[in-house]
Amino acid sequence: MTIHRRDFLVSSAALAAAAALPRAAWAQAAFAPKPGDWRAFEIVTRLEVASQTSPAQAWVPVPSVNEADWFKTLDNKWTTNGNAGLVRDPKSGAGMVHVEWPASEQNPAVEVTSRVSTRDRAVDLTKPGKAAPLPAAERKLYTGATQLIPTDGIVKETSDKIVAGAAAASDIEKARAIYEWIVDNTYRDAKVRGCGIGDIAALLKSGNLGGKCADLNALFVGLARAQAIPARDIYGIRVAPSAFGYKSLGANSATISKAQHCRAEVHLAGFGWVPMDPADVRKVVLEEPPGNLPAGDDKVVAARKALFGAWETNWLAYNFAHDVKLPGARSGDVAFLMYPQAETVAGRLDCLDADTFKYAITSNQIAA
């Protein structure tokens, strides 16, 4: 099939206008997300593998999350000059478009278009509801260890210290203690490539608790699981500016190729899945203008309060997957699937290396 090409640098008028507005013109008084109107977005990922004369294949993550309260995957479509199909990781259900190109195709390319609908989340943690208990299989999955998120050893030891003296405390109190510990004891390290790798035992053993979202939120998840509290990472990408004026917490351009962000959830009795994002608190500290904000800055205080129980969902959720098996891959599993992946006979390409593995991702708000 001949690939359908489109201009990836054209943004919607609404997104461009919002990004260009002075902060005072569109910021609200406080960072306090709450459920409201649904918004729909179209996200286009175009991937190219550098000119080559051997077979190649790629895996492009697509939205695979459907949560009635805050996220709906509407559809995923693609065009390519290879052979492609939608496949899913058997353990997690994470969806991806798998494309294979023969050696005769010297310029492999694929374009994936996804449409999603989102709205902000907020859970009132002062009022337990009647959320259904987590099924046993899901509880086992979301309290279990993964390759890079162990729940024993230094992770368990650290978790126990954090909640020390609170053995009879509720899960919500333990989750709060872990969240506050992450915010107080870690930092966002701008030198880390991409979103980090999420090797939490190595992070703790190093004594240097710097990283990015895939490190810091994975640490939160691992410390919670070590207390038998179900927790999970959600891997995704920011798709729009923050409506609350936080430059650091939004996609401030229609091109979102480097806007990947993972978040976290814990499952609490009476509340169900509750949104968390201590990594974004550290992002506000480091990156919110003018930068390197003190802990007592109003913006930091507001984000710290809100991100225990709420998200601004100017963000797309791909999946909850860890240790993902890429169908047909020769180079082994990936720890998580948030970036497009590709492979040639020479092995797995570096998804952050634009010289040999190029992709562009754009976001456009559409009619809901």
Protein backbone atom coordinates (compact mmCIF):
# COMPACT_ATOMS: atom_id res chain seq x y z
CA MET A 1 0.00 0.00 0.00
CA THR A 2 1.36 3.49 -0.82
CA ILE A 3 1.77 5.48 2.33
CA HIS A 4 -0.42 8.53 2.76
CA ARG A 5 1.80 11.45 3.74
CA ARG A 6 0.59 14.52 5.57
CA ASP A 7 2.14 17.61 7.02
CA PHE A 8 2.95 16.83 10.65
CA LEU A 9 3.70 20.41 11.52
CA VAL A 10 0.20 21.73 10.96
CA SER A 11 -1.61 22.20 14.26
CA SER A 12 -5.18 22.94 15.06
CA ALA A 13 -6.02 26.58 15.49
CA ALA A 14 -7.20 25.95 19.04
CA LEU A 15 -4.02 24.24 20.18
CA ALA A 16 -1.73 26.79 18.56
CA ALA A 17 -3.70 29.68 19.97
CA ALA A 18 -3.69 28.22 23.48
CA ALA A 19 0.04 27.63 23.40
CA ALA A 20 0.67 31.20 22.21
CA LEU A 21 -1.46 32.97 24.81
CA PRO A 22 0.24 34.75 27.70
CA ARG A 23 -0.11 32.67 30.83
CA ALA A 24 -2.28 35.26 32.56
CA ALA A 25 -4.83 35.03 29.75
CA TRP A 26 -5.62 31.37 30.25
CA ALA A 27 -4.34 30.32 33.65
CA GLN A 28 -6.70 29.60 36.50
CA ALA A 29 -6.18 30.63 40.11
CA ALA A 30 -5.12 27.23 41.38
CA PHE A 31 -4.04 23.84 40.09
CA ALA A 32 -7.16 21.86 40.95
CA PRO A 33 -8.27 19.44 38.21
CA LYS A 34 -11.80 18.07 38.47
CA PRO A 35 -14.07 16.13 36.11
CA GLY A 36 -15.68 18.33 33.48
CA ASP A 37 -16.31 18.29 29.77
CA TRP A 38 -14.80 15.61 27.59
CA ARG A 39 -12.24 16.64 24.94
CA ALA A 40 -11.24 14.64 21.88
CA PHE A 41 -7.80 14.52 20.28
CA GLU A 42 -6.28 13.07 17.12
CA ILE A 43 -2.69 11.92 17.52
CA VAL A 44 -0.59 11.08 14.47
CA THR A 45 2.69 9.17 14.71
CA ARG A 46 4.89 8.97 11.62
CA LEU A 47 7.87 6.64 11.85
CA GLU A 48 10.72 6.11 9.39
CA VAL A 49 13.66 3.73 9.48
CA ALA A 50 16.81 5.04 7.80
CA SER A 51 17.42 3.84 4.24
CA GLN A 52 18.54 0.23 4.38
CA THR A 53 18.81 -2.96 2.35
CA SER A 54 17.73 -5.55 4.91
CA PRO A 55 14.38 -6.49 6.46
CA ALA A 56 13.09 -4.21 9.23
CA GLN A 57 10.17 -4.13 11.63
CA ALA A 58 8.62 -1.63 14.04
CA TRP A 59 6.10 -1.47 16.86
CA VAL A 60 4.12 1.75 17.38
CA PRO A 61 2.17 1.97 20.68
CA VAL A 62 -1.47 2.93 20.35
CA PRO A 63 -3.98 3.92 23.04
CA SER A 64 -5.33 0.75 24.67
CA VAL A 65 -6.99 2.19 27.78
CA ASN A 66 -10.73 2.53 28.30
CA GLU A 67 -11.78 3.98 31.66
CA ALA A 68 -15.39 5.18 31.81
CA ASP A 69 -14.65 8.14 34.06
CA TRP A 70 -11.73 9.72 32.24
CA PHE A 71 -10.39 8.06 29.07
CA LYS A 72 -11.82 6.47 25.93
CA THR A 73 -9.89 5.01 23.02
CA LEU A 74 -11.99 5.82 19.95
CA ASP A 75 -10.02 4.24 17.09
CA ASN A 76 -6.59 3.51 15.64
CA LYS A 77 -5.78 3.51 11.91
CA TRP A 78 -2.58 3.31 9.89
CA THR A 79 -1.05 3.51 6.43
CA THR A 80 2.33 2.07 5.46
CA ASN A 81 4.52 0.73 2.68
CA GLY A 82 5.02 -2.44 4.74
CA ASN A 83 2.79 -5.19 6.09
CA ALA A 84 1.04 -4.10 9.30
CA GLY A 85 -1.54 -5.21 11.82
CA LEU A 86 -2.77 -4.37 15.32
CA VAL A 87 -1.36 -6.75 17.94
CA ARG A 88 -1.57 -6.89 21.74
CA ASP A 89 0.77 -7.90 24.52
CA PRO A 90 -0.85 -11.09 25.89
CA LYS A 91 -0.21 -10.24 29.54
CA SER A 92 -1.26 -6.59 29.68
CA GLY A 93 -3.39 -6.07 26.59
CA ALA A 94 -1.17 -3.20 25.46
CA GLY A 95 -1.88 -2.49 21.80
CA MET A 96 0.66 -1.71 19.13
CA VAL A 97 0.81 -1.55 15.35
CA HIS A 98 3.40 -4.10 14.23
CA VAL A 99 4.92 -3.37 10.80
CA GLU A 100 7.31 -5.51 8.78
CA TRP A 101 9.23 -4.37 5.72
CA PRO A 102 11.10 -6.60 3.27
CA ALA A 103 14.67 -5.90 2.24
CA SER A 104 13.38 -4.55 -1.06
CA GLU A 105 11.75 -1.59 0.69
CA GLN A 106 14.64 0.80 1.14
CA ASN A 107 12.70 3.57 2.91
CA PRO A 108 10.40 1.94 5.49
CA ALA A 109 7.69 4.23 6.87
CA VAL A 110 4.38 4.00 8.72
CA GLU A 111 1.81 6.54 9.86
CA VAL A 112 -0.55 5.74 12.73
CA THR A 113 -3.57 7.91 13.57
CA SER A 114 -5.33 7.51 16.91
CA ARG A 115 -8.37 9.30 18.27
CA VAL A 116 -9.11 9.50 21.99
CA SER A 117 -11.43 11.30 24.37
CA THR A 118 -10.31 12.54 27.81
CA ARG A 119 -11.42 14.54 30.81
CA ASP A 120 -9.79 15.56 34.07
CA ARG A 121 -9.84 13.30 37.13
CA ALA A 122 -10.24 13.98 40.83
CA VAL A 123 -11.08 11.61 43.68
CA ASP A 124 -12.47 13.04 46.93
CA LEU A 125 -10.43 11.05 49.42
CA THR A 126 -12.46 12.34 52.35
CA LYS A 127 -15.54 10.44 51.19
CA PRO A 128 -15.12 6.70 50.59
CA GLY A 129 -17.57 5.39 48.04
CA LYS A 130 -18.72 1.97 46.95
CA ALA A 131 -16.00 1.12 44.46
CA ALA A 132 -15.91 -2.58 43.64
CA PRO A 133 -13.03 -4.59 45.13
CA LEU A 134 -10.21 -5.37 42.76
CA PRO A 135 -10.58 -8.87 41.25
CA ALA A 136 -8.06 -11.38 42.61
CA ALA A 137 -6.19 -11.75 39.31
CA GLU A 138 -5.74 -7.99 38.98
CA ARG A 139 -4.69 -7.65 42.61
CA LYS A 140 -2.02 -10.29 42.03
CA LEU A 141 -0.85 -8.52 38.87
CA TYR A 142 -0.67 -5.07 40.42
CA THR A 143 1.04 -6.14 43.64
CA GLY A 144 3.57 -8.34 41.86
CA ALA A 145 7.15 -7.65 40.87
CA THR A 146 8.39 -6.86 37.37
CA GLN A 147 11.87 -7.04 35.93
CA LEU A 148 12.71 -3.49 37.01
CA ILE A 149 10.21 -3.09 39.87
CA PRO A 150 11.07 -5.69 42.52
CA THR A 151 9.06 -5.74 45.74
CA ASP A 152 11.69 -7.34 47.98
CA GLY A 153 15.23 -6.46 49.02
CA ILE A 154 16.05 -2.78 49.19
CA VAL A 155 12.62 -1.83 47.84
CA LYS A 156 10.81 -3.62 50.66
CA GLU A 157 13.29 -2.32 53.25
CA THR A 158 12.82 1.25 52.06
CA SER A 159 9.07 0.92 51.92
CA ASP A 160 8.92 -0.46 55.46
CA LYS A 161 10.98 2.46 56.75
CA ILE A 162 8.71 4.97 55.05
CA VAL A 163 5.59 3.57 56.70
CA ALA A 164 7.33 2.69 59.98
CA GLY A 165 5.08 3.23 62.97
CA ALA A 166 2.02 2.99 60.77
CA ALA A 167 1.61 -0.78 60.71
CA ALA A 168 -2.09 -0.44 61.51
CA ALA A 169 -2.54 2.53 59.18
CA SER A 170 -4.89 2.34 56.25
CA ASP A 171 -3.66 1.89 52.70
CA ILE A 172 -4.49 5.52 51.97
CA GLU A 173 -2.22 6.67 54.82
CA LYS A 174 0.57 4.41 53.61
CA ALA A 175 0.14 5.64 50.03
CA ARG A 176 0.26 9.22 51.31
CA ALA A 177 3.48 8.53 53.25
CA ILE A 178 5.11 7.01 50.15
CA TYR A 179 3.94 9.89 47.91
CA GLU A 180 5.31 12.52 50.32
CA TRP A 181 8.58 10.61 50.67
CA ILE A 182 9.02 10.57 46.88
CA VAL A 183 8.40 14.32 46.65
CA ASP A 184 10.74 15.08 49.56
CA ASN A 185 13.60 12.71 48.72
CA THR A 186 13.89 12.50 44.94
CA TYR A 187 14.58 15.05 42.23
CA ARG A 188 14.07 15.39 38.51
CA ASP A 189 17.39 14.93 36.72
CA ALA A 190 17.43 16.81 33.43
CA LYS A 191 20.44 14.80 32.24
CA VAL A 192 18.52 11.51 32.15
CA ARG A 193 17.64 10.48 28.59
CA GLY A 194 13.99 10.31 27.64
CA CYS A 195 11.79 9.45 30.62
CA GLY A 196 14.37 7.22 32.33
CA ILE A 197 14.46 3.42 32.52
CA GLY A 198 12.59 2.68 35.75
CA ASP A 199 15.20 0.45 37.44
CA ILE A 200 14.12 1.25 40.98
CA ALA A 201 16.41 -1.12 42.91
CA ALA A 202 19.44 0.35 41.15
CA LEU A 203 18.12 3.83 41.88
CA LEU A 204 17.81 3.09 45.61
CA LYS A 205 21.15 1.31 45.81
CA SER A 206 22.90 4.25 44.17
CA GLY A 207 21.74 6.64 46.87
CA ASN A 208 21.28 9.21 44.10
CA LEU A 209 17.51 9.50 43.76
CA GLY A 210 17.45 11.54 40.57
CA GLY A 211 15.48 10.55 37.50
CA LYS A 212 12.47 11.29 35.38
CA CYS A 213 8.87 10.09 35.36
CA ALA A 214 9.57 6.46 34.44
CA ASP A 215 12.00 6.34 37.37
CA LEU A 216 10.20 8.33 40.05
CA ASN A 217 6.66 7.10 39.43
CA ALA A 218 7.94 3.54 39.08
CA LEU A 219 9.60 3.99 42.46
CA PHE A 220 6.25 5.08 43.90
CA VAL A 221 4.57 2.02 42.37
CA GLY A 222 7.23 -0.38 43.67
CA LEU A 223 7.18 1.04 47.19
CA ALA A 224 3.39 0.78 47.26
CA ARG A 225 3.41 -2.81 45.94
CA ALA A 226 5.94 -3.71 48.64
CA GLN A 227 3.17 -2.86 51.13
CA ALA A 228 0.72 -5.08 49.19
CA ILE A 229 -1.09 -1.99 47.91
CA PRO A 230 -2.11 -2.49 44.26
CA ALA A 231 -0.38 0.13 42.13
CA ARG A 232 0.44 0.58 38.48
CA ASP A 233 2.23 2.85 36.03
CA ILE A 234 0.30 4.25 33.08
CA TYR A 235 2.44 5.10 30.07
CA GLY A 236 1.37 7.91 27.76
CA ILE A 237 2.09 11.30 26.24
CA ARG A 238 0.97 14.89 26.85
CA VAL A 239 -1.31 16.16 24.10
CA ALA A 240 -2.28 19.75 25.03
CA PRO A 241 -1.19 22.74 27.11
CA SER A 242 -2.11 22.88 30.78
CA ALA A 243 -5.34 24.80 31.32
CA PHE A 244 -3.93 25.88 34.68
CA GLY A 245 -1.00 27.79 33.24
CA TYR A 246 1.72 25.28 34.16
CA LYS A 247 4.20 25.36 31.29
CA SER A 248 5.98 22.32 32.71
CA LEU A 249 2.82 20.18 32.78
CA GLY A 250 1.60 20.52 29.22
CA ALA A 251 2.41 19.95 25.58
CA ASN A 252 3.03 23.51 24.47
CA SER A 253 3.27 22.75 20.77
CA ALA A 254 1.31 20.65 18.28
CA THR A 255 4.47 18.55 17.86
CA ILE A 256 4.63 16.27 20.90
CA SER A 257 7.39 13.87 19.87
CA LYS A 258 9.24 14.40 23.17
CA ALA A 259 6.21 14.85 25.44
CA GLN A 260 6.04 11.26 26.73
CA HIS A 261 4.98 10.99 30.36
CA CYS A 262 4.05 8.11 32.64
CA ARG A 263 1.76 8.45 35.62
CA ALA A 264 0.76 6.22 38.53
CA GLU A 265 -2.35 4.91 40.26
CA VAL A 266 -3.07 3.06 43.50
CA HIS A 267 -6.18 1.01 44.19
CA LEU A 268 -7.73 1.95 47.53
CA ALA A 269 -10.68 0.30 49.25
CA GLY A 270 -13.82 2.37 48.81
CA PHE A 271 -12.24 4.57 46.14
CA GLY A 272 -11.04 2.27 43.36
CA TRP A 273 -8.13 3.41 41.22
CA VAL A 274 -6.81 6.75 42.47
CA PRO A 275 -4.53 8.98 40.33
CA MET A 276 -1.08 9.94 41.61
CA ASP A 277 1.89 11.74 40.08
CA PRO A 278 4.74 12.61 42.45
CA ALA A 279 7.13 12.82 39.48
CA ASP A 280 5.23 15.80 38.12
CA VAL A 281 5.64 17.62 41.43
CA ARG A 282 9.39 17.31 40.98
CA LYS A 283 9.00 18.47 37.36
CA VAL A 284 7.25 21.62 38.57
CA VAL A 285 10.10 22.26 41.02
CA LEU A 286 12.77 21.97 38.33
CA GLU A 287 11.11 23.32 35.19
CA GLU A 288 8.23 25.64 36.02
CA PRO A 289 9.44 29.18 35.21
CA PRO A 290 11.64 30.69 36.43
CA GLY A 291 12.95 27.23 37.41
CA ASN A 292 14.34 25.58 40.54
CA LEU A 293 11.36 26.64 42.60
CA PRO A 294 11.47 26.23 46.39
CA ALA A 295 9.19 23.67 48.02
CA GLY A 296 7.08 26.46 49.48
CA ASP A 297 6.37 28.14 46.15
CA ASP A 298 2.63 28.45 45.55
CA LYS A 299 2.84 26.49 42.28
CA VAL A 300 4.70 23.62 43.94
CA VAL A 301 2.35 23.53 46.92
CA ALA A 302 -0.70 23.46 44.64
CA ALA A 303 0.71 20.70 42.43
CA ARG A 304 1.78 18.63 45.44
CA LYS A 305 -1.70 18.83 46.93
CA ALA A 306 -3.56 18.12 43.68
CA LEU A 307 -1.45 15.28 42.32
CA PHE A 308 -2.33 13.03 45.23
CA GLY A 309 -5.77 12.10 43.92
CA ALA A 310 -6.14 14.15 40.72
CA TRP A 311 -4.78 14.56 37.20
CA GLU A 312 -5.20 17.17 34.55
CA THR A 313 -5.86 14.85 31.63
CA ASN A 314 -4.29 16.88 28.84
CA TRP A 315 -2.60 13.55 28.28
CA LEU A 316 -3.10 10.30 26.36
CA ALA A 317 -2.88 6.91 28.07
CA TYR A 318 -1.23 4.16 26.01
CA ASN A 319 -1.14 1.22 28.43
CA PHE A 320 -0.28 -0.20 31.87
CA ALA A 321 2.30 -2.65 30.52
CA HIS A 322 5.62 -3.84 31.94
CA ASP A 323 8.05 -6.41 30.47
CA VAL A 324 6.36 -6.16 27.08
CA LYS A 325 6.88 -8.86 24.48
CA LEU A 326 7.12 -7.31 21.02
CA PRO A 327 5.70 -9.90 18.59
CA GLY A 328 8.38 -11.12 16.19
CA ALA A 329 11.20 -9.27 17.96
CA ARG A 330 14.64 -10.84 18.13
CA SER A 331 16.03 -8.44 20.74
CA GLY A 332 13.96 -9.36 23.79
CA ASP A 333 11.28 -7.61 25.84
CA VAL A 334 11.04 -3.90 26.59
CA ALA A 335 10.53 -2.74 30.16
CA PHE A 336 7.60 -0.55 29.08
CA LEU A 337 5.99 0.57 25.83
CA MET A 338 5.79 4.36 25.65
CA TYR A 339 8.05 5.02 22.65
CA PRO A 340 7.91 3.55 19.15
CA GLN A 341 10.35 0.67 18.74
CA ALA A 342 12.13 -0.66 15.64
CA GLU A 343 14.54 -3.45 14.76
CA THR A 344 16.76 -4.37 11.82
CA VAL A 345 19.12 -7.27 11.31
CA ALA A 346 21.66 -5.22 13.28
CA GLY A 347 19.40 -5.29 16.34
CA ARG A 348 17.04 -2.96 18.24
CA LEU A 349 17.33 0.67 17.23
CA ASP A 350 17.71 3.37 19.86
CA CYS A 351 14.27 4.95 20.04
CA LEU A 352 15.86 8.22 21.18
CA ASP A 353 18.35 8.37 18.28
CA ALA A 354 16.88 10.57 15.57
CA ASP A 355 19.71 9.87 13.12
CA THR A 356 18.76 6.25 12.40
CA PHE A 357 15.25 6.07 13.80
CA LYS A 358 13.00 9.01 13.08
CA TYR A 359 9.51 9.62 14.28
CA ALA A 360 7.24 12.63 14.68
CA ILE A 361 4.13 12.72 16.83
CA THR A 362 1.55 15.50 16.57
CA SER A 363 -1.63 16.26 18.47
CA ASN A 364 -4.74 18.03 17.27
CA GLN A 365 -7.87 18.73 19.31
CA ILE A 366 -10.98 17.72 17.38
CA ALA A 367 -14.72 17.93 17.97
CA ALA A 368 -15.73 15.77 20.89
